[in-house]
Amino acid sequence: MRFIQEYGYTVKVGQEEAHQKWLVDNSDALAKSMPPGTRYIGTFAVVYSSEKGSGWYRTLLELDSYAAMDKLAALNKDPNSEYGRLLRESARFGDYDLAAPWSNSLLKDVVDATIWDPQS
C-alpha cells in the first residue's frame, strides 16, 4: 500500500524566515530520522490553492501502511527519538490559534484503494 499524509499549517507572524532556516538546516536530519515504511517527502510553501483554510505550508510524508502512522506516533512520543525531537523543535514555529488555517489529509494510492460502482 502507499499513502501520502499531508499536514497543512500556518507559521506564526514574524517567524517565516526562521522557519525556512530551520527547514534548510534540518530537512536532511528529518528525512534520516524516519522509520522503515515511512519517508519524509518534504515541506512545501503553498504557491496557490483553492483551499482557503488549509494553511500556507504542507508537510508531506509517504507511508506504506496504516501501521506506519502508529510508528510515527510512537517516535513522536519517545523523548529519546531524533524524529520526536525534530518534530517538537519544529512545532515552535506553528500558529496554534484556533482561527489559524490548518489541514490534515491522508491520501491512498488509487491502485490500492477499494473503489466500486454502486448498483443501479
PDB file of N, CA and C in Angstrom:
ATOM      1  N   MET A   1       0.831  -1.180   0.000  1.00  0.00           N
ATOM      2  CA  MET A   1       0.000   0.000   0.000  1.00  0.00           C
ATOM      3  C   MET A   1       0.870   1.236   0.000  1.00  0.00           C
ATOM      4  N   ARG A   2       0.286   2.311  -0.449  1.00  0.00           N
ATOM      5  CA  ARG A   2       1.020   3.581  -0.474  1.00  0.00           C
ATOM      6  C   ARG A   2       0.067   4.706  -0.098  1.00  0.00           C
ATOM      7  N   PHE A   3       0.492   5.494   0.886  1.00  0.00           N
ATOM      8  CA  PHE A   3      -0.274   6.645   1.348  1.00  0.00           C
ATOM      9  C   PHE A   3       0.615   7.878   1.300  1.00  0.00           C
ATOM     10  N   ILE A   4      -0.023   9.024   1.160  1.00  0.00           N
ATOM     11  CA  ILE A   4       0.631  10.308   1.385  1.00  0.00           C
ATOM     12  C   ILE A   4      -0.133  10.979   2.521  1.00  0.00           C
ATOM     13  N   GLN A   5       0.574  11.331   3.571  1.00  0.00           N
ATOM     14  CA  GLN A   5      -0.047  12.085   4.657  1.00  0.00           C
ATOM     15  C   GLN A   5       0.380  13.530   4.497  1.00  0.00           C
ATOM     16  N   GLU A   6      -0.598  14.413   4.520  1.00  0.00           N
ATOM     17  CA  GLU A   6      -0.357  15.840   4.292  1.00  0.00           C
ATOM     18  C   GLU A   6      -0.791  16.618   5.528  1.00  0.00           C
ATOM     19  N   TYR A   7       0.126  17.410   6.034  1.00  0.00           N
ATOM     20  CA  TYR A   7      -0.154  18.309   7.154  1.00  0.00           C
ATOM     21  C   TYR A   7      -0.065  19.738   6.640  1.00  0.00           C
ATOM     22  N   GLY A   8      -1.155  20.469   6.699  1.00  0.00           N
ATOM     23  CA  GLY A   8      -1.158  21.875   6.326  1.00  0.00           C
ATOM     24  C   GLY A   8      -1.115  22.721   7.587  1.00  0.00           C
ATOM     25  N   TYR A   9      -0.342  23.776   7.569  1.00  0.00           N
ATOM     26  CA  TYR A   9      -0.225  24.596   8.775  1.00  0.00           C
ATOM     27  C   TYR A   9       0.152  26.026   8.435  1.00  0.00           C
ATOM     28  N   THR A  10       0.062  26.857   9.450  1.00  0.00           N
ATOM     29  CA  THR A  10       0.392  28.269   9.361  1.00  0.00           C
ATOM     30  C   THR A  10       1.547  28.548  10.320  1.00  0.00           C
ATOM     31  N   VAL A  11       2.470  29.381   9.910  1.00  0.00           N
ATOM     32  CA  VAL A  11       3.597  29.779  10.750  1.00  0.00           C
ATOM     33  C   VAL A  11       3.234  31.093  11.445  1.00  0.00           C
ATOM     34  N   LYS A  12       3.695  31.232  12.683  1.00  0.00           N
ATOM     35  CA  LYS A  12       3.446  32.460  13.440  1.00  0.00           C
ATOM     36  C   LYS A  12       3.990  33.671  12.683  1.00  0.00           C
ATOM     37  N   VAL A  13       3.277  34.775  12.779  1.00  0.00           N
ATOM     38  CA  VAL A  13       3.719  36.024  12.163  1.00  0.00           C
ATOM     39  C   VAL A  13       5.099  36.384  12.721  1.00  0.00           C
ATOM     40  N   GLY A  14       6.003  36.745  11.830  1.00  0.00           N
ATOM     41  CA  GLY A  14       7.352  37.128  12.225  1.00  0.00           C
ATOM     42  C   GLY A  14       8.318  35.952  12.351  1.00  0.00           C
ATOM     43  N   GLN A  15       7.840  34.735  12.067  1.00  0.00           N
ATOM     44  CA  GLN A  15       8.690  33.551  12.188  1.00  0.00           C
ATOM     45  C   GLN A  15       8.949  32.861  10.845  1.00  0.00           C
ATOM     46  N   GLU A  16       8.494  33.473   9.743  1.00  0.00           N
ATOM     47  CA  GLU A  16       8.617  32.853   8.416  1.00  0.00           C
ATOM     48  C   GLU A  16      10.081  32.562   8.051  1.00  0.00           C
ATOM     49  N   GLU A  17      10.969  33.535   8.216  1.00  0.00           N
ATOM     50  CA  GLU A  17      12.361  33.332   7.836  1.00  0.00           C
ATOM     51  C   GLU A  17      13.052  32.330   8.752  1.00  0.00           C
ATOM     52  N   ALA A  18      12.764  32.385  10.041  1.00  0.00           N
ATOM     53  CA  ALA A  18      13.357  31.424  10.984  1.00  0.00           C
ATOM     54  C   ALA A  18      12.866  30.008  10.670  1.00  0.00           C
ATOM     55  N   HIS A  19      11.604  29.885  10.304  1.00  0.00           N
ATOM     56  CA  HIS A  19      11.028  28.594   9.921  1.00  0.00           C
ATOM     57  C   HIS A  19      11.749  28.053   8.687  1.00  0.00           C
ATOM     58  N   GLN A  20      11.937  28.899   7.683  1.00  0.00           N
ATOM     59  CA  GLN A  20      12.633  28.469   6.475  1.00  0.00           C
ATOM     60  C   GLN A  20      14.063  28.029   6.804  1.00  0.00           C
ATOM     61  N   LYS A  21      14.754  28.806   7.625  1.00  0.00           N
ATOM     62  CA  LYS A  21      16.134  28.463   8.007  1.00  0.00           C
ATOM     63  C   LYS A  21      16.169  27.136   8.751  1.00  0.00           C
ATOM     64  N   TRP A  22      15.199  26.925   9.653  1.00  0.00           N
ATOM     65  CA  TRP A  22      15.158  25.669  10.384  1.00  0.00           C
ATOM     66  C   TRP A  22      15.011  24.497   9.406  1.00  0.00           C
ATOM     67  N   LEU A  23      14.142  24.646   8.420  1.00  0.00           N
ATOM     68  CA  LEU A  23      13.952  23.583   7.429  1.00  0.00           C
ATOM     69  C   LEU A  23      15.203  23.364   6.585  1.00  0.00           C
ATOM     70  N   VAL A  24      15.866  24.446   6.179  1.00  0.00           N
ATOM     71  CA  VAL A  24      17.115  24.314   5.421  1.00  0.00           C
ATOM     72  C   VAL A  24      18.132  23.523   6.252  1.00  0.00           C
ATOM     73  N   ASP A  25      18.217  23.848   7.530  1.00  0.00           N
ATOM     74  CA  ASP A  25      19.200  23.217   8.408  1.00  0.00           C
ATOM     75  C   ASP A  25      18.832  21.796   8.830  1.00  0.00           C
ATOM     76  N   ASN A  26      17.533  21.448   8.829  1.00  0.00           N
ATOM     77  CA  ASN A  26      17.101  20.197   9.447  1.00  0.00           C
ATOM     78  C   ASN A  26      16.354  19.213   8.559  1.00  0.00           C
ATOM     79  N   SER A  27      16.075  19.570   7.305  1.00  0.00           N
ATOM     80  CA  SER A  27      15.308  18.658   6.445  1.00  0.00           C
ATOM     81  C   SER A  27      16.013  17.323   6.228  1.00  0.00           C
ATOM     82  N   ASP A  28      17.315  17.336   6.031  1.00  0.00           N
ATOM     83  CA  ASP A  28      18.043  16.082   5.851  1.00  0.00           C
ATOM     84  C   ASP A  28      17.982  15.215   7.105  1.00  0.00           C
ATOM     85  N   ALA A  29      18.148  15.826   8.260  1.00  0.00           N
ATOM     86  CA  ALA A  29      18.078  15.082   9.521  1.00  0.00           C
ATOM     87  C   ALA A  29      16.677  14.512   9.726  1.00  0.00           C
ATOM     88  N   LEU A  30      15.665  15.282   9.371  1.00  0.00           N
ATOM     89  CA  LEU A  30      14.292  14.798   9.495  1.00  0.00           C
ATOM     90  C   LEU A  30      14.073  13.590   8.587  1.00  0.00           C
ATOM     91  N   ALA A  31      14.554  13.669   7.357  1.00  0.00           N
ATOM     92  CA  ALA A  31      14.420  12.544   6.418  1.00  0.00           C
ATOM     93  C   ALA A  31      15.128  11.296   6.960  1.00  0.00           C
ATOM     94  N   LYS A  32      16.298  11.468   7.546  1.00  0.00           N
ATOM     95  CA  LYS A  32      17.059  10.334   8.077  1.00  0.00           C
ATOM     96  C   LYS A  32      16.433   9.752   9.343  1.00  0.00           C
ATOM     97  N   SER A  33      15.638  10.532  10.045  1.00  0.00           N
ATOM     98  CA  SER A  33      15.030  10.075  11.293  1.00  0.00           C
ATOM     99  C   SER A  33      13.777   9.237  11.084  1.00  0.00           C
ATOM    100  N   MET A  34      13.320   9.143   9.854  1.00  0.00           N
ATOM    101  CA  MET A  34      12.075   8.426   9.562  1.00  0.00           C
ATOM    102  C   MET A  34      12.287   6.918   9.703  1.00  0.00           C
ATOM    103  N   PRO A  35      11.318   6.204  10.308  1.00  0.00           N
ATOM    104  CA  PRO A  35      11.455   4.755  10.458  1.00  0.00           C
ATOM    105  C   PRO A  35      11.159   4.022   9.151  1.00  0.00           C
ATOM    106  N   PRO A  36      11.538   2.749   9.064  1.00  0.00           N
ATOM    107  CA  PRO A  36      11.211   1.957   7.879  1.00  0.00           C
ATOM    108  C   PRO A  36       9.705   1.997   7.601  1.00  0.00           C
ATOM    109  N   GLY A  37       9.364   2.085   6.330  1.00  0.00           N
ATOM    110  CA  GLY A  37       7.955   2.154   5.942  1.00  0.00           C
ATOM    111  C   GLY A  37       7.423   3.567   5.839  1.00  0.00           C
ATOM    112  N   THR A  38       8.295   4.555   6.107  1.00  0.00           N
ATOM    113  CA  THR A  38       7.887   5.959   6.020  1.00  0.00           C
ATOM    114  C   THR A  38       8.984   6.731   5.288  1.00  0.00           C
ATOM    115  N   ARG A  39       8.576   7.853   4.726  1.00  0.00           N
ATOM    116  CA  ARG A  39       9.557   8.713   4.051  1.00  0.00           C
ATOM    117  C   ARG A  39       9.090  10.154   4.135  1.00  0.00           C
ATOM    118  N   TYR A  40       9.996  11.026   4.542  1.00  0.00           N
ATOM    119  CA  TYR A  40       9.733  12.466   4.537  1.00  0.00           C
ATOM    120  C   TYR A  40       9.932  12.950   3.106  1.00  0.00           C
ATOM    121  N   ILE A  41       8.852  13.380   2.467  1.00  0.00           N
ATOM    122  CA  ILE A  41       8.932  13.878   1.098  1.00  0.00           C
ATOM    123  C   ILE A  41       9.443  15.311   1.104  1.00  0.00           C
ATOM    124  N   GLY A  42       8.958  16.099   2.042  1.00  0.00           N
ATOM    125  CA  GLY A  42       9.413  17.476   2.159  1.00  0.00           C
ATOM    126  C   GLY A  42       8.333  18.383   2.714  1.00  0.00           C
ATOM    127  N   THR A  43       8.716  19.616   2.941  1.00  0.00           N
ATOM    128  CA  THR A  43       7.784  20.657   3.368  1.00  0.00           C
ATOM    129  C   THR A  43       7.767  21.703   2.271  1.00  0.00           C
ATOM    130  N   PHE A  44       6.567  22.078   1.867  1.00  0.00           N
ATOM    131  CA  PHE A  44       6.368  22.935   0.708  1.00  0.00           C
ATOM    132  C   PHE A  44       5.581  24.180   1.087  1.00  0.00           C
ATOM    133  N   ALA A  45       5.970  25.313   0.512  1.00  0.00           N
ATOM    134  CA  ALA A  45       5.189  26.548   0.641  1.00  0.00           C
ATOM    135  C   ALA A  45       4.092  26.498  -0.420  1.00  0.00           C
ATOM    136  N   VAL A  46       2.899  26.912  -0.044  1.00  0.00           N
ATOM    137  CA  VAL A  46       1.785  26.921  -0.985  1.00  0.00           C
ATOM    138  C   VAL A  46       1.949  28.118  -1.915  1.00  0.00           C
ATOM    139  N   VAL A  47       2.008  27.842  -3.197  1.00  0.00           N
ATOM    140  CA  VAL A  47       2.112  28.902  -4.198  1.00  0.00           C
ATOM    141  C   VAL A  47       0.713  29.383  -4.558  1.00  0.00           C
ATOM    142  N   TYR A  48      -0.175  28.448  -4.839  1.00  0.00           N
ATOM    143  CA  TYR A  48      -1.592  28.769  -4.985  1.00  0.00           C
ATOM    144  C   TYR A  48      -2.409  27.529  -4.666  1.00  0.00           C
ATOM    145  N   SER A  49      -3.637  27.745  -4.237  1.00  0.00           N
ATOM    146  CA  SER A  49      -4.520  26.651  -3.856  1.00  0.00           C
ATOM    147  C   SER A  49      -5.949  27.148  -3.833  1.00  0.00           C
ATOM    148  N   SER A  50      -6.881  26.275  -4.102  1.00  0.00           N
ATOM    149  CA  SER A  50      -8.293  26.629  -3.971  1.00  0.00           C
ATOM    150  C   SER A  50      -8.772  26.429  -2.531  1.00  0.00           C
ATOM    151  N   GLU A  51      -7.946  25.818  -1.707  1.00  0.00           N
ATOM    152  CA  GLU A  51      -8.297  25.577  -0.309  1.00  0.00           C
ATOM    153  C   GLU A  51      -7.991  26.834   0.506  1.00  0.00           C
ATOM    154  N   LYS A  52      -9.019  27.435   1.039  1.00  0.00           N
ATOM    155  CA  LYS A  52      -8.858  28.728   1.720  1.00  0.00           C
ATOM    156  C   LYS A  52      -8.365  28.612   3.161  1.00  0.00           C
ATOM    157  N   GLY A  53      -8.644  27.523   3.820  1.00  0.00           N
ATOM    158  CA  GLY A  53      -8.323  27.456   5.242  1.00  0.00           C
ATOM    159  C   GLY A  53      -7.375  26.336   5.610  1.00  0.00           C
ATOM    160  N   SER A  54      -6.482  25.951   4.696  1.00  0.00           N
ATOM    161  CA  SER A  54      -5.650  24.783   4.976  1.00  0.00           C
ATOM    162  C   SER A  54      -4.190  25.108   5.282  1.00  0.00           C
ATOM    163  N   GLY A  55      -3.869  26.359   5.450  1.00  0.00           N
ATOM    164  CA  GLY A  55      -2.503  26.739   5.820  1.00  0.00           C
ATOM    165  C   GLY A  55      -1.632  27.052   4.622  1.00  0.00           C
ATOM    166  N   TRP A  56      -0.520  27.736   4.901  1.00  0.00           N
ATOM    167  CA  TRP A  56       0.379  28.188   3.831  1.00  0.00           C
ATOM    168  C   TRP A  56       1.549  27.258   3.596  1.00  0.00           C
ATOM    169  N   TYR A  57       1.661  26.209   4.405  1.00  0.00           N
ATOM    170  CA  TYR A  57       2.728  25.220   4.258  1.00  0.00           C
ATOM    171  C   TYR A  57       2.123  23.831   4.286  1.00  0.00           C
ATOM    172  N   ARG A  58       2.788  22.895   3.599  1.00  0.00           N
ATOM    173  CA  ARG A  58       2.368  21.500   3.622  1.00  0.00           C
ATOM    174  C   ARG A  58       3.592  20.619   3.845  1.00  0.00           C
ATOM    175  N   THR A  59       3.500  19.757   4.823  1.00  0.00           N
ATOM    176  CA  THR A  59       4.496  18.721   5.019  1.00  0.00           C
ATOM    177  C   THR A  59       3.905  17.427   4.494  1.00  0.00           C
ATOM    178  N   LEU A  60       4.672  16.744   3.643  1.00  0.00           N
ATOM    179  CA  LEU A  60       4.207  15.508   3.021  1.00  0.00           C
ATOM    180  C   LEU A  60       5.080  14.338   3.464  1.00  0.00           C
ATOM    181  N   LEU A  61       4.412  13.268   3.888  1.00  0.00           N
ATOM    182  CA  LEU A  61       5.078  12.030   4.273  1.00  0.00           C
ATOM    183  C   LEU A  61       4.523  10.901   3.428  1.00  0.00           C
ATOM    184  N   GLU A  62       5.373   9.970   3.050  1.00  0.00           N
ATOM    185  CA  GLU A  62       4.913   8.759   2.372  1.00  0.00           C
ATOM    186  C   GLU A  62       4.895   7.631   3.397  1.00  0.00           C
ATOM    187  N   LEU A  63       3.804   6.874   3.413  1.00  0.00           N
ATOM    188  CA  LEU A  63       3.631   5.778   4.353  1.00  0.00           C
ATOM    189  C   LEU A  63       3.311   4.506   3.575  1.00  0.00           C
ATOM    190  N   ASP A  64       3.779   3.362   4.068  1.00  0.00           N
ATOM    191  CA  ASP A  64       3.496   2.110   3.365  1.00  0.00           C
ATOM    192  C   ASP A  64       2.332   1.326   3.964  1.00  0.00           C
ATOM    193  N   SER A  65       1.733   1.854   5.032  1.00  0.00           N
ATOM    194  CA  SER A  65       0.618   1.159   5.682  1.00  0.00           C
ATOM    195  C   SER A  65      -0.043   2.095   6.693  1.00  0.00           C
ATOM    196  N   TYR A  66      -1.207   1.682   7.165  1.00  0.00           N
ATOM    197  CA  TYR A  66      -1.828   2.423   8.261  1.00  0.00           C
ATOM    198  C   TYR A  66      -0.963   2.314   9.512  1.00  0.00           C
ATOM    199  N   ALA A  67      -0.310   1.173   9.687  1.00  0.00           N
ATOM    200  CA  ALA A  67       0.549   0.957  10.859  1.00  0.00           C
ATOM    201  C   ALA A  67       1.719   1.931  10.909  1.00  0.00           C
ATOM    202  N   ALA A  68       2.125   2.458   9.764  1.00  0.00           N
ATOM    203  CA  ALA A  68       3.228   3.430   9.744  1.00  0.00           C
ATOM    204  C   ALA A  68       2.875   4.673  10.548  1.00  0.00           C
ATOM    205  N   MET A  69       1.586   5.028  10.581  1.00  0.00           N
ATOM    206  CA  MET A  69       1.173   6.181  11.392  1.00  0.00           C
ATOM    207  C   MET A  69       1.423   5.907  12.871  1.00  0.00           C
ATOM    208  N   ASP A  70       1.204   4.656  13.297  1.00  0.00           N
ATOM    209  CA  ASP A  70       1.461   4.293  14.686  1.00  0.00           C
ATOM    210  C   ASP A  70       2.957   4.347  15.007  1.00  0.00           C
ATOM    211  N   LYS A  71       3.788   3.941  14.056  1.00  0.00           N
ATOM    212  CA  LYS A  71       5.251   4.028  14.255  1.00  0.00           C
ATOM    213  C   LYS A  71       5.661   5.476  14.491  1.00  0.00           C
ATOM    214  N   LEU A  72       5.127   6.376  13.655  1.00  0.00           N
ATOM    215  CA  LEU A  72       5.477   7.800  13.795  1.00  0.00           C
ATOM    216  C   LEU A  72       4.955   8.371  15.107  1.00  0.00           C
ATOM    217  N   ALA A  73       3.748   7.978  15.497  1.00  0.00           N
ATOM    218  CA  ALA A  73       3.185   8.463  16.756  1.00  0.00           C
ATOM    219  C   ALA A  73       4.044   8.012  17.939  1.00  0.00           C
ATOM    220  N   ALA A  74       4.502   6.764  17.901  1.00  0.00           N
ATOM    221  CA  ALA A  74       5.344   6.257  18.993  1.00  0.00           C
ATOM    222  C   ALA A  74       6.672   7.005  19.051  1.00  0.00           C
ATOM    223  N   LEU A  75       7.271   7.271  17.893  1.00  0.00           N
ATOM    224  CA  LEU A  75       8.532   8.017  17.873  1.00  0.00           C
ATOM    225  C   LEU A  75       8.341   9.452  18.355  1.00  0.00           C
ATOM    226  N   ASN A  76       7.218  10.043  17.990  1.00  0.00           N
ATOM    227  CA  ASN A  76       6.930  11.412  18.412  1.00  0.00           C
ATOM    228  C   ASN A  76       6.802  11.486  19.933  1.00  0.00           C
ATOM    229  N   LYS A  77       6.276  10.449  20.512  1.00  0.00           N
ATOM    230  CA  LYS A  77       6.078  10.388  21.962  1.00  0.00           C
ATOM    231  C   LYS A  77       7.380  10.075  22.711  1.00  0.00           C
ATOM    232  N   ASP A  78       8.306   9.415  22.029  1.00  0.00           N
ATOM    233  CA  ASP A  78       9.560   8.972  22.645  1.00  0.00           C
ATOM    234  C   ASP A  78      10.512  10.163  22.803  1.00  0.00           C
ATOM    235  N   PRO A  79      10.829  10.554  24.041  1.00  0.00           N
ATOM    236  CA  PRO A  79      11.704  11.711  24.250  1.00  0.00           C
ATOM    237  C   PRO A  79      13.134  11.491  23.768  1.00  0.00           C
ATOM    238  N   ASN A  80      13.509  10.243  23.486  1.00  0.00           N
ATOM    239  CA  ASN A  80      14.867   9.939  23.039  1.00  0.00           C
ATOM    240  C   ASN A  80      14.992   9.768  21.528  1.00  0.00           C
ATOM    241  N   SER A  81      13.880   9.870  20.801  1.00  0.00           N
ATOM    242  CA  SER A  81      13.966   9.667  19.352  1.00  0.00           C
ATOM    243  C   SER A  81      14.330  10.974  18.647  1.00  0.00           C
ATOM    244  N   GLU A  82      15.152  10.845  17.623  1.00  0.00           N
ATOM    245  CA  GLU A  82      15.534  12.008  16.827  1.00  0.00           C
ATOM    246  C   GLU A  82      14.316  12.581  16.105  1.00  0.00           C
ATOM    247  N   TYR A  83      13.454  11.710  15.587  1.00  0.00           N
ATOM    248  CA  TYR A  83      12.240  12.160  14.912  1.00  0.00           C
ATOM    249  C   TYR A  83      11.385  13.012  15.858  1.00  0.00           C
ATOM    250  N   GLY A  84      11.154  12.502  17.066  1.00  0.00           N
ATOM    251  CA  GLY A  84      10.351  13.239  18.042  1.00  0.00           C
ATOM    252  C   GLY A  84      10.981  14.568  18.414  1.00  0.00           C
ATOM    253  N   ARG A  85      12.284  14.558  18.592  1.00  0.00           N
ATOM    254  CA  ARG A  85      12.982  15.802  18.936  1.00  0.00           C
ATOM    255  C   ARG A  85      12.806  16.836  17.836  1.00  0.00           C
ATOM    256  N   LEU A  86      13.012  16.417  16.596  1.00  0.00           N
ATOM    257  CA  LEU A  86      12.890  17.350  15.473  1.00  0.00           C
ATOM    258  C   LEU A  86      11.459  17.855  15.321  1.00  0.00           C
ATOM    259  N   LEU A  87      10.492  16.988  15.499  1.00  0.00           N
ATOM    260  CA  LEU A  87       9.101  17.415  15.378  1.00  0.00           C
ATOM    261  C   LEU A  87       8.738  18.431  16.461  1.00  0.00           C
ATOM    262  N   ARG A  88       9.151  18.143  17.689  1.00  0.00           N
ATOM    263  CA  ARG A  88       8.864  19.084  18.779  1.00  0.00           C
ATOM    264  C   ARG A  88       9.578  20.416  18.564  1.00  0.00           C
ATOM    265  N   GLU A  89      10.796  20.358  18.052  1.00  0.00           N
ATOM    266  CA  GLU A  89      11.549  21.585  17.775  1.00  0.00           C
ATOM    267  C   GLU A  89      10.858  22.404  16.675  1.00  0.00           C
ATOM    268  N   SER A  90      10.420  21.736  15.626  1.00  0.00           N
ATOM    269  CA  SER A  90       9.771  22.453  14.518  1.00  0.00           C
ATOM    270  C   SER A  90       8.417  23.032  14.928  1.00  0.00           C
ATOM    271  N   ALA A  91       7.802  22.440  15.916  1.00  0.00           N
ATOM    272  CA  ALA A  91       6.475  22.886  16.352  1.00  0.00           C
ATOM    273  C   ALA A  91       6.490  24.308  16.921  1.00  0.00           C
ATOM    274  N   ARG A  92       7.641  24.788  17.300  1.00  0.00           N
ATOM    275  CA  ARG A  92       7.702  26.144  17.869  1.00  0.00           C
ATOM    276  C   ARG A  92       7.324  27.221  16.848  1.00  0.00           C
ATOM    277  N   PHE A  93       7.360  26.872  15.550  1.00  0.00           N
ATOM    278  CA  PHE A  93       7.020  27.841  14.510  1.00  0.00           C
ATOM    279  C   PHE A  93       5.523  27.885  14.206  1.00  0.00           C
ATOM    280  N   GLY A  94       4.795  26.878  14.619  1.00  0.00           N
ATOM    281  CA  GLY A  94       3.380  26.785  14.271  1.00  0.00           C
ATOM    282  C   GLY A  94       2.510  27.811  14.969  1.00  0.00           C
ATOM    283  N   ASP A  95       1.485  28.247  14.272  1.00  0.00           N
ATOM    284  CA  ASP A  95       0.477  29.138  14.841  1.00  0.00           C
ATOM    285  C   ASP A  95      -0.684  28.254  15.283  1.00  0.00           C
ATOM    286  N   TYR A  96      -0.871  28.121  16.577  1.00  0.00           N
ATOM    287  CA  TYR A  96      -1.872  27.205  17.111  1.00  0.00           C
ATOM    288  C   TYR A  96      -3.149  27.919  17.564  1.00  0.00           C
ATOM    289  N   ASP A  97      -3.294  29.159  17.140  1.00  0.00           N
ATOM    290  CA  ASP A  97      -4.549  29.862  17.382  1.00  0.00           C
ATOM    291  C   ASP A  97      -5.655  29.063  16.698  1.00  0.00           C
ATOM    292  N   LEU A  98      -6.791  28.924  17.350  1.00  0.00           N
ATOM    293  CA  LEU A  98      -7.886  28.126  16.784  1.00  0.00           C
ATOM    294  C   LEU A  98      -8.392  28.682  15.459  1.00  0.00           C
ATOM    295  N   ALA A  99      -8.128  29.960  15.182  1.00  0.00           N
ATOM    296  CA  ALA A  99      -8.560  30.554  13.915  1.00  0.00           C
ATOM    297  C   ALA A  99      -7.505  30.423  12.816  1.00  0.00           C
ATOM    298  N   ALA A 100      -6.313  29.965  13.152  1.00  0.00           N
ATOM    299  CA  ALA A 100      -5.239  29.851  12.151  1.00  0.00           C
ATOM    300  C   ALA A 100      -5.545  28.704  11.189  1.00  0.00           C
ATOM    301  N   PRO A 101      -5.312  28.914   9.899  1.00  0.00           N
ATOM    302  CA  PRO A 101      -5.566  27.861   8.916  1.00  0.00           C
ATOM    303  C   PRO A 101      -4.665  26.637   9.127  1.00  0.00           C
ATOM    304  N   TRP A 102      -5.256  25.467   8.972  1.00  0.00           N
ATOM    305  CA  TRP A 102      -4.529  24.205   9.070  1.00  0.00           C
ATOM    306  C   TRP A 102      -5.325  23.134   8.323  1.00  0.00           C
ATOM    307  N   SER A 103      -4.691  21.995   8.097  1.00  0.00           N
ATOM    308  CA  SER A 103      -5.387  20.874   7.469  1.00  0.00           C
ATOM    309  C   SER A 103      -4.630  19.592   7.749  1.00  0.00           C
ATOM    310  N   ASN A 104      -5.284  18.487   7.492  1.00  0.00           N
ATOM    311  CA  ASN A 104      -4.669  17.179   7.653  1.00  0.00           C
ATOM    312  C   ASN A 104      -5.374  16.239   6.694  1.00  0.00           C
ATOM    313  N   SER A 105      -4.620  15.586   5.821  1.00  0.00           N
ATOM    314  CA  SER A 105      -5.198  14.671   4.840  1.00  0.00           C
ATOM    315  C   SER A 105      -4.396  13.389   4.797  1.00  0.00           C
ATOM    316  N   LEU A 106      -5.092  12.301   4.520  1.00  0.00           N
ATOM    317  CA  LEU A 106      -4.436  11.031   4.242  1.00  0.00           C
ATOM    318  C   LEU A 106      -4.927  10.590   2.866  1.00  0.00           C
ATOM    319  N   LEU A 107      -4.001  10.466   1.935  1.00  0.00           N
ATOM    320  CA  LEU A 107      -4.321  10.106   0.558  1.00  0.00           C
ATOM    321  C   LEU A 107      -3.839   8.688   0.297  1.00  0.00           C
ATOM    322  N   LYS A 108      -4.703   7.858  -0.270  1.00  0.00           N
ATOM    323  CA  LYS A 108      -4.347   6.473  -0.574  1.00  0.00           C
ATOM    324  C   LYS A 108      -4.194   6.328  -2.081  1.00  0.00           C
ATOM    325  N   ASP A 109      -3.112   5.683  -2.491  1.00  0.00           N
ATOM    326  CA  ASP A 109      -2.861   5.451  -3.907  1.00  0.00           C
ATOM    327  C   ASP A 109      -4.071   4.736  -4.509  1.00  0.00           C
ATOM    328  N   VAL A 110      -4.561   5.240  -5.623  1.00  0.00           N
ATOM    329  CA  VAL A 110      -5.776   4.700  -6.228  1.00  0.00           C
ATOM    330  C   VAL A 110      -5.623   3.230  -6.612  1.00  0.00           C
ATOM    331  N   VAL A 111      -4.407   2.777  -6.925  1.00  0.00           N
ATOM    332  CA  VAL A 111      -4.225   1.369  -7.275  1.00  0.00           C
ATOM    333  C   VAL A 111      -4.407   0.455  -6.067  1.00  0.00           C
ATOM    334  N   ASP A 112      -4.330   0.997  -4.858  1.00  0.00           N
ATOM    335  CA  ASP A 112      -4.538   0.230  -3.638  1.00  0.00           C
ATOM    336  C   ASP A 112      -5.916   0.456  -3.017  1.00  0.00           C
ATOM    337  N   ALA A 113      -6.644   1.439  -3.502  1.00  0.00           N
ATOM    338  CA  ALA A 113      -7.926   1.801  -2.904  1.00  0.00           C
ATOM    339  C   ALA A 113      -9.026   0.825  -3.303  1.00  0.00           C
ATOM    340  N   THR A 114      -9.998   0.667  -2.413  1.00  0.00           N
ATOM    341  CA  THR A 114     -11.190  -0.123  -2.714  1.00  0.00           C
ATOM    342  C   THR A 114     -12.185   0.830  -3.367  1.00  0.00           C
ATOM    343  N   ILE A 115     -12.387   0.634  -4.648  1.00  0.00           N
ATOM    344  CA  ILE A 115     -13.290   1.505  -5.424  1.00  0.00           C
ATOM    345  C   ILE A 115     -14.289   0.616  -6.128  1.00  0.00           C
ATOM    346  N   TRP A 116     -15.552   0.982  -6.045  1.00  0.00           N
ATOM    347  CA  TRP A 116     -16.584   0.193  -6.706  1.00  0.00           C
ATOM    348  C   TRP A 116     -17.723   1.111  -7.154  1.00  0.00           C
ATOM    349  N   ASP A 117     -18.398   0.673  -8.176  1.00  0.00           N
ATOM    350  CA  ASP A 117     -19.580   1.401  -8.669  1.00  0.00           C
ATOM    351  C   ASP A 117     -20.811   0.860  -7.957  1.00  0.00           C
ATOM    352  N   PRO A 118     -21.661   1.750  -7.465  1.00  0.00           N
ATOM    353  CA  PRO A 118     -22.886   1.270  -6.815  1.00  0.00           C
ATOM    354  C   PRO A 118     -23.821   0.623  -7.854  1.00  0.00           C
ATOM    355  N   GLN A 119     -24.627  -0.308  -7.365  1.00  0.00           N
ATOM    356  CA  GLN A 119     -25.617  -0.948  -8.248  1.00  0.00           C
ATOM    357  C   GLN A 119     -26.728   0.037  -8.584  1.00  0.00           C
ATOM    358  N   SER A 120     -27.131   0.055  -9.838  1.00  0.00           N
ATOM    359  CA  SER A 120     -28.204   0.965 -10.256  1.00  0.00           C
ATOM    360  C   SER A 120     -29.537   0.299 -10.072  1.00  0.00           C
TER     361      SER A 120
END
